[in-house]
């Protein structure tokens, strides 16, 4: 019997911060979880902890694809990071989602919710991870 892909963990990779979001067990909603400061902790180990704590069944990583559909150095970085996650968590399937415009969409939603740009810094990565998960859920 297929257990389904949820709960899933969304990952918005950045050089300084990594935004994390998760779906509920049924995959109805995605919500922000935390922002990992890569200078303060090992992001791979933190993701492994979250996977275990939350019973995550799928990892969804935002992949920065150019407008013309090609991948550049940013996508290369994300793929290397994802390979490390897969090596650490080989039993958990990992999928990529085109993250084009997710940060812009997240920022717009935060502004609508009354957060000014300065107030977004701590949560923008989590909000982008929510957008990545929602794009993935809509594509299922």
N, C-alpha and C. Protein backbone atom coordinates (compact mmCIF):
# COMPACT_ATOMS: atom_id res chain seq x y z
N UNK A 1 0.84 -1.19 0.00
CA UNK A 1 0.00 0.00 0.00
C UNK A 1 0.88 1.25 0.00
N UNK A 2 0.57 2.17 -0.87
CA UNK A 2 1.34 3.42 -0.96
C UNK A 2 0.91 4.34 0.18
N UNK A 3 1.91 4.80 0.92
CA UNK A 3 1.61 5.68 2.07
C UNK A 3 1.44 7.13 1.65
N UNK A 4 1.78 7.46 0.42
CA UNK A 4 1.66 8.84 -0.03
C UNK A 4 2.89 9.66 0.31
N UNK A 5 2.98 10.85 -0.27
CA UNK A 5 4.18 11.66 -0.15
C UNK A 5 4.22 12.58 1.07
N UNK A 6 3.14 12.61 1.85
CA UNK A 6 3.08 13.58 2.95
C UNK A 6 3.29 12.91 4.30
N UNK A 7 3.80 13.65 5.27
CA UNK A 7 4.20 15.06 5.18
C UNK A 7 5.48 15.24 4.37
N UNK A 8 5.56 16.39 3.72
CA UNK A 8 6.72 16.74 2.91
C UNK A 8 7.42 17.94 3.53
N UNK A 9 8.72 18.03 3.29
CA UNK A 9 9.52 19.15 3.79
C UNK A 9 9.99 19.96 2.59
N UNK A 10 9.70 21.25 2.59
CA UNK A 10 10.14 22.14 1.51
C UNK A 10 11.42 22.85 1.92
N UNK A 11 12.33 22.97 0.98
CA UNK A 11 13.64 23.55 1.27
C UNK A 11 13.95 24.66 0.26
N UNK A 12 14.14 25.88 0.78
CA UNK A 12 14.56 27.01 -0.04
C UNK A 12 16.03 27.27 0.29
N UNK A 13 16.93 26.79 -0.58
CA UNK A 13 18.36 26.86 -0.32
C UNK A 13 18.92 28.24 -0.63
N UNK A 14 19.71 28.74 0.30
CA UNK A 14 20.43 29.99 0.09
C UNK A 14 21.82 29.85 0.66
N UNK A 15 22.72 30.73 0.25
CA UNK A 15 24.10 30.64 0.74
C UNK A 15 24.20 30.91 2.23
N UNK A 16 23.40 31.83 2.75
CA UNK A 16 23.47 32.19 4.17
C UNK A 16 22.37 31.55 5.00
N UNK A 17 21.17 31.46 4.40
CA UNK A 17 20.02 30.93 5.13
C UNK A 17 19.27 29.93 4.28
N UNK A 18 18.68 28.94 4.96
CA UNK A 18 17.87 27.94 4.28
C UNK A 18 16.49 27.95 4.91
N UNK A 19 15.50 28.25 4.10
CA UNK A 19 14.12 28.28 4.58
C UNK A 19 13.53 26.88 4.56
N UNK A 20 12.81 26.55 5.63
CA UNK A 20 12.19 25.23 5.75
C UNK A 20 10.69 25.41 5.97
N UNK A 21 9.91 24.62 5.24
CA UNK A 21 8.46 24.58 5.43
C UNK A 21 8.05 23.11 5.41
N UNK A 22 6.83 22.83 5.85
CA UNK A 22 6.35 21.45 5.86
C UNK A 22 4.87 21.42 5.53
N UNK A 23 4.43 20.28 5.01
CA UNK A 23 3.00 20.09 4.80
C UNK A 23 2.45 19.37 6.03
N UNK A 24 1.15 19.43 6.17
CA UNK A 24 0.50 18.61 7.19
C UNK A 24 0.51 17.17 6.67
N UNK A 25 0.16 16.19 7.52
CA UNK A 25 0.22 14.79 7.09
C UNK A 25 -0.66 14.45 5.89
N UNK A 26 -1.70 15.23 5.64
CA UNK A 26 -2.58 14.96 4.51
C UNK A 26 -2.19 15.74 3.25
N UNK A 27 -1.28 16.68 3.40
CA UNK A 27 -0.85 17.46 2.26
C UNK A 27 -1.86 18.52 1.85
N UNK A 28 -2.62 19.02 2.81
CA UNK A 28 -3.62 20.04 2.51
C UNK A 28 -2.99 21.44 2.59
N UNK A 29 -2.17 21.66 3.61
CA UNK A 29 -1.55 22.97 3.81
C UNK A 29 -0.04 22.84 3.98
N UNK A 30 0.64 23.90 3.56
CA UNK A 30 2.07 24.02 3.82
C UNK A 30 2.24 25.17 4.79
N UNK A 31 3.13 25.01 5.76
CA UNK A 31 3.35 26.06 6.75
C UNK A 31 4.85 26.24 7.01
N UNK A 32 5.25 27.47 7.40
CA UNK A 32 6.66 27.71 7.69
C UNK A 32 7.11 26.94 8.93
N UNK A 33 8.36 26.50 8.92
CA UNK A 33 8.91 25.76 10.05
C UNK A 33 10.03 26.55 10.71
N UNK A 34 11.09 26.83 9.95
CA UNK A 34 12.21 27.58 10.52
C UNK A 34 13.16 28.03 9.42
N UNK A 35 14.08 28.91 9.81
CA UNK A 35 15.16 29.32 8.92
C UNK A 35 16.45 28.83 9.55
N UNK A 36 17.22 28.08 8.76
CA UNK A 36 18.49 27.56 9.25
C UNK A 36 19.59 28.54 8.83
N UNK A 37 20.33 29.04 9.80
CA UNK A 37 21.48 29.89 9.52
C UNK A 37 22.66 28.96 9.27
N UNK A 38 23.15 28.91 8.04
CA UNK A 38 24.18 27.94 7.69
C UNK A 38 25.52 28.21 8.39
N UNK A 39 25.71 29.43 8.88
CA UNK A 39 26.95 29.73 9.61
C UNK A 39 26.87 29.25 11.05
N UNK A 40 25.66 29.05 11.55
CA UNK A 40 25.49 28.69 12.96
C UNK A 40 25.29 27.19 13.18
N UNK A 41 24.85 26.46 12.15
CA UNK A 41 24.64 25.03 12.33
C UNK A 41 24.77 24.29 11.01
N UNK A 42 24.92 22.98 11.09
CA UNK A 42 25.03 22.14 9.90
C UNK A 42 23.63 21.91 9.33
N UNK A 43 23.34 22.50 8.17
CA UNK A 43 21.98 22.39 7.63
C UNK A 43 21.56 20.96 7.30
N UNK A 44 22.50 20.13 6.86
CA UNK A 44 22.16 18.74 6.52
C UNK A 44 21.69 18.00 7.77
N UNK A 45 22.43 18.18 8.87
CA UNK A 45 22.04 17.50 10.11
C UNK A 45 20.71 18.03 10.65
N UNK A 46 20.50 19.35 10.53
CA UNK A 46 19.24 19.93 11.01
C UNK A 46 18.07 19.39 10.19
N UNK A 47 18.25 19.30 8.89
CA UNK A 47 17.19 18.74 8.03
C UNK A 47 16.93 17.29 8.40
N UNK A 48 18.00 16.53 8.66
CA UNK A 48 17.84 15.12 9.07
C UNK A 48 17.03 15.03 10.37
N UNK A 49 17.30 15.95 11.31
CA UNK A 49 16.53 15.97 12.57
C UNK A 49 15.05 16.25 12.30
N UNK A 50 14.78 17.24 11.46
CA UNK A 50 13.40 17.60 11.14
C UNK A 50 12.67 16.45 10.45
N UNK A 51 13.36 15.75 9.56
CA UNK A 51 12.77 14.60 8.86
C UNK A 51 12.35 13.55 9.88
N UNK A 52 13.24 13.28 10.83
CA UNK A 52 12.93 12.27 11.84
C UNK A 52 11.81 12.73 12.77
N UNK A 53 11.91 13.95 13.28
CA UNK A 53 10.91 14.47 14.21
C UNK A 53 9.51 14.54 13.61
N UNK A 54 9.43 14.87 12.33
CA UNK A 54 8.14 15.11 11.69
C UNK A 54 7.64 13.94 10.85
N UNK A 55 8.43 12.87 10.76
CA UNK A 55 8.03 11.73 9.95
C UNK A 55 7.90 12.09 8.47
N UNK A 56 8.84 12.90 7.99
CA UNK A 56 8.79 13.38 6.61
C UNK A 56 8.96 12.23 5.62
N UNK A 57 8.12 12.25 4.57
CA UNK A 57 8.16 11.19 3.55
C UNK A 57 8.72 11.67 2.22
N UNK A 58 8.77 13.00 2.01
CA UNK A 58 9.29 13.55 0.76
C UNK A 58 10.02 14.86 1.04
N UNK A 59 11.15 15.05 0.39
CA UNK A 59 11.87 16.31 0.45
C UNK A 59 11.66 17.04 -0.87
N UNK A 60 11.31 18.31 -0.79
CA UNK A 60 11.06 19.10 -1.99
C UNK A 60 12.01 20.30 -1.96
N UNK A 61 12.90 20.33 -2.93
CA UNK A 61 13.93 21.36 -2.97
C UNK A 61 13.66 22.32 -4.13
N UNK A 62 13.67 23.61 -3.82
CA UNK A 62 13.50 24.61 -4.87
C UNK A 62 14.75 24.70 -5.72
N UNK A 63 14.56 24.63 -7.03
CA UNK A 63 15.68 24.69 -7.97
C UNK A 63 15.57 25.97 -8.80
N UNK A 64 16.60 26.84 -8.72
CA UNK A 64 16.55 28.09 -9.47
C UNK A 64 16.82 27.85 -10.96
N UNK A 65 15.77 27.87 -11.75
CA UNK A 65 15.87 27.66 -13.19
C UNK A 65 15.73 29.02 -13.87
N UNK A 66 16.55 29.25 -14.87
CA UNK A 66 16.49 30.53 -15.60
C UNK A 66 15.20 30.62 -16.40
N UNK A 67 14.86 31.83 -16.82
CA UNK A 67 13.65 32.06 -17.59
C UNK A 67 13.63 31.20 -18.86
N UNK A 68 14.81 30.99 -19.46
CA UNK A 68 14.86 30.19 -20.69
C UNK A 68 14.88 28.68 -20.41
N UNK A 69 14.75 28.31 -19.14
CA UNK A 69 14.68 26.89 -18.78
C UNK A 69 16.02 26.23 -18.51
N UNK A 70 17.11 26.96 -18.66
CA UNK A 70 18.43 26.38 -18.40
C UNK A 70 18.80 26.56 -16.93
N UNK A 71 19.83 25.82 -16.52
CA UNK A 71 20.31 25.91 -15.15
C UNK A 71 21.69 26.55 -15.13
N UNK A 72 21.90 27.41 -14.13
CA UNK A 72 23.19 28.08 -14.00
C UNK A 72 23.93 27.62 -12.76
N UNK A 73 24.84 28.47 -12.29
CA UNK A 73 25.66 28.12 -11.14
C UNK A 73 24.82 27.98 -9.86
N UNK A 74 23.75 28.76 -9.73
CA UNK A 74 22.90 28.65 -8.55
C UNK A 74 22.24 27.28 -8.50
N UNK A 75 21.75 26.81 -9.63
CA UNK A 75 21.11 25.49 -9.69
C UNK A 75 22.14 24.40 -9.39
N UNK A 76 23.37 24.59 -9.87
CA UNK A 76 24.45 23.64 -9.60
C UNK A 76 24.68 23.52 -8.09
N UNK A 77 24.73 24.67 -7.40
CA UNK A 77 24.92 24.69 -5.95
C UNK A 77 23.80 23.92 -5.25
N UNK A 78 22.56 24.18 -5.69
CA UNK A 78 21.40 23.53 -5.08
C UNK A 78 21.46 22.02 -5.31
N UNK A 79 21.83 21.60 -6.52
CA UNK A 79 21.93 20.17 -6.82
C UNK A 79 23.01 19.50 -5.96
N UNK A 80 24.14 20.19 -5.74
CA UNK A 80 25.20 19.63 -4.87
C UNK A 80 24.68 19.49 -3.44
N UNK A 81 23.97 20.51 -2.97
CA UNK A 81 23.40 20.48 -1.61
C UNK A 81 22.40 19.33 -1.50
N UNK A 82 21.53 19.19 -2.51
CA UNK A 82 20.52 18.12 -2.51
C UNK A 82 21.18 16.74 -2.53
N UNK A 83 22.29 16.61 -3.23
CA UNK A 83 23.01 15.33 -3.28
C UNK A 83 23.51 14.96 -1.88
N UNK A 84 23.97 15.95 -1.12
CA UNK A 84 24.42 15.70 0.26
C UNK A 84 23.24 15.25 1.14
N UNK A 85 22.09 15.88 0.94
CA UNK A 85 20.90 15.49 1.71
C UNK A 85 20.53 14.05 1.36
N UNK A 86 20.52 13.72 0.07
CA UNK A 86 20.15 12.37 -0.37
C UNK A 86 21.12 11.32 0.17
N UNK A 87 22.39 11.69 0.24
CA UNK A 87 23.39 10.76 0.78
C UNK A 87 23.13 10.52 2.27
N UNK A 88 22.76 11.58 2.99
CA UNK A 88 22.48 11.50 4.43
C UNK A 88 21.14 10.81 4.71
N UNK A 89 20.16 11.01 3.81
CA UNK A 89 18.81 10.46 4.00
C UNK A 89 18.39 9.66 2.75
N UNK A 90 19.08 8.54 2.49
CA UNK A 90 18.83 7.81 1.24
C UNK A 90 17.42 7.23 1.11
N UNK A 91 16.72 7.02 2.21
CA UNK A 91 15.39 6.41 2.16
C UNK A 91 14.28 7.42 1.86
N UNK A 92 14.61 8.72 1.90
CA UNK A 92 13.58 9.74 1.70
C UNK A 92 13.69 10.28 0.27
N UNK A 93 12.63 10.11 -0.53
CA UNK A 93 12.68 10.62 -1.90
C UNK A 93 12.85 12.15 -1.92
N UNK A 94 13.62 12.62 -2.88
CA UNK A 94 13.87 14.06 -3.02
C UNK A 94 13.42 14.49 -4.41
N UNK A 95 12.66 15.56 -4.45
CA UNK A 95 12.17 16.09 -5.72
C UNK A 95 12.56 17.55 -5.84
N UNK A 96 12.73 17.99 -7.08
CA UNK A 96 13.03 19.40 -7.34
C UNK A 96 11.79 20.09 -7.89
N UNK A 97 11.63 21.36 -7.53
CA UNK A 97 10.56 22.20 -8.07
C UNK A 97 11.20 23.49 -8.54
N UNK A 98 10.79 23.96 -9.70
CA UNK A 98 11.28 25.23 -10.21
C UNK A 98 10.85 26.32 -9.22
N UNK A 99 11.83 26.99 -8.64
CA UNK A 99 11.51 27.99 -7.62
C UNK A 99 11.42 29.40 -8.18
N UNK A 100 11.34 29.51 -9.49
CA UNK A 100 11.25 30.84 -10.10
C UNK A 100 10.12 31.64 -9.45
N UNK A 101 10.44 32.82 -9.05
CA UNK A 101 9.47 33.77 -8.49
C UNK A 101 8.94 33.42 -7.10
N UNK A 102 9.42 32.33 -6.48
CA UNK A 102 8.86 31.98 -5.16
C UNK A 102 9.19 33.04 -4.12
N UNK A 103 10.40 33.59 -4.14
CA UNK A 103 10.75 34.60 -3.15
C UNK A 103 9.95 35.88 -3.40
N UNK A 104 9.75 36.23 -4.68
CA UNK A 104 8.93 37.41 -4.99
C UNK A 104 7.49 37.21 -4.52
N UNK A 105 6.95 36.03 -4.79
CA UNK A 105 5.57 35.73 -4.37
C UNK A 105 5.46 35.75 -2.85
N UNK A 106 6.45 35.17 -2.18
CA UNK A 106 6.45 35.13 -0.72
C UNK A 106 6.52 36.55 -0.16
N UNK A 107 7.39 37.37 -0.74
CA UNK A 107 7.54 38.76 -0.29
C UNK A 107 6.24 39.53 -0.47
N UNK A 108 5.57 39.33 -1.61
CA UNK A 108 4.30 40.01 -1.86
C UNK A 108 3.25 39.60 -0.83
N UNK A 109 3.20 38.31 -0.52
CA UNK A 109 2.23 37.83 0.47
C UNK A 109 2.52 38.40 1.86
N UNK A 110 3.81 38.49 2.20
CA UNK A 110 4.18 39.05 3.50
C UNK A 110 3.81 40.54 3.56
N UNK A 111 4.02 41.25 2.45
CA UNK A 111 3.62 42.67 2.42
C UNK A 111 2.11 42.80 2.60
N UNK A 112 1.35 41.93 1.91
CA UNK A 112 -0.11 41.95 2.06
C UNK A 112 -0.51 41.69 3.51
N UNK A 113 0.29 40.89 4.19
CA UNK A 113 -0.01 40.57 5.59
C UNK A 113 0.49 41.68 6.53
N UNK A 114 1.04 42.75 5.96
CA UNK A 114 1.44 43.90 6.76
C UNK A 114 2.89 43.92 7.19
N UNK A 115 3.72 43.01 6.64
CA UNK A 115 5.14 43.02 7.00
C UNK A 115 5.93 43.85 6.02
N UNK A 116 6.63 44.85 6.55
CA UNK A 116 7.48 45.67 5.70
C UNK A 116 8.73 44.88 5.33
N UNK A 117 9.43 45.33 4.33
CA UNK A 117 10.62 44.63 3.84
C UNK A 117 11.61 44.31 4.95
N UNK A 118 11.85 45.28 5.85
CA UNK A 118 12.80 45.05 6.95
C UNK A 118 12.34 43.93 7.87
N UNK A 119 11.04 43.77 8.02
CA UNK A 119 10.50 42.74 8.92
C UNK A 119 10.48 41.36 8.27
N UNK A 120 10.72 41.30 6.97
CA UNK A 120 10.62 40.04 6.26
C UNK A 120 11.87 39.18 6.40
N UNK A 121 13.00 39.78 6.75
CA UNK A 121 14.27 39.08 6.68
C UNK A 121 14.25 37.72 7.40
N UNK A 122 13.71 37.67 8.58
CA UNK A 122 13.71 36.43 9.34
C UNK A 122 12.77 35.36 8.82
N UNK A 123 11.77 35.76 8.06
CA UNK A 123 10.76 34.79 7.63
C UNK A 123 10.65 34.60 6.12
N UNK A 124 11.34 35.44 5.35
CA UNK A 124 11.19 35.37 3.90
C UNK A 124 11.61 34.01 3.35
N UNK A 125 12.66 33.41 3.90
CA UNK A 125 13.13 32.11 3.41
C UNK A 125 12.10 31.01 3.71
N UNK A 126 11.48 31.09 4.90
CA UNK A 126 10.43 30.12 5.24
C UNK A 126 9.23 30.30 4.32
N UNK A 127 8.87 31.55 4.06
CA UNK A 127 7.73 31.83 3.19
C UNK A 127 8.01 31.33 1.77
N UNK A 128 9.25 31.48 1.30
CA UNK A 128 9.63 30.97 -0.02
C UNK A 128 9.55 29.44 -0.03
N UNK A 129 9.94 28.80 1.07
CA UNK A 129 9.84 27.33 1.17
C UNK A 129 8.38 26.89 1.12
N UNK A 130 7.48 27.68 1.71
CA UNK A 130 6.04 27.39 1.63
C UNK A 130 5.60 27.47 0.17
N UNK A 131 6.05 28.50 -0.55
CA UNK A 131 5.70 28.65 -1.97
C UNK A 131 6.20 27.46 -2.79
N UNK A 132 7.40 27.00 -2.48
CA UNK A 132 7.97 25.83 -3.18
C UNK A 132 7.09 24.60 -2.94
N UNK A 133 6.71 24.39 -1.69
CA UNK A 133 5.84 23.24 -1.37
C UNK A 133 4.49 23.36 -2.06
N UNK A 134 3.92 24.56 -2.06
CA UNK A 134 2.62 24.74 -2.69
C UNK A 134 2.70 24.49 -4.19
N UNK A 135 3.78 24.92 -4.83
CA UNK A 135 3.97 24.65 -6.27
C UNK A 135 4.04 23.15 -6.50
N UNK A 136 4.77 22.45 -5.63
CA UNK A 136 4.88 20.99 -5.75
C UNK A 136 3.54 20.31 -5.54
N UNK A 137 2.80 20.75 -4.50
CA UNK A 137 1.48 20.13 -4.23
C UNK A 137 0.53 20.38 -5.39
N UNK A 138 0.57 21.55 -5.98
CA UNK A 138 -0.32 21.87 -7.11
C UNK A 138 0.05 21.07 -8.35
N UNK A 139 1.32 20.63 -8.41
CA UNK A 139 1.77 19.84 -9.55
C UNK A 139 1.51 18.36 -9.41
N UNK A 140 1.10 17.93 -8.23
CA UNK A 140 0.87 16.48 -8.01
C UNK A 140 -0.38 16.00 -8.71
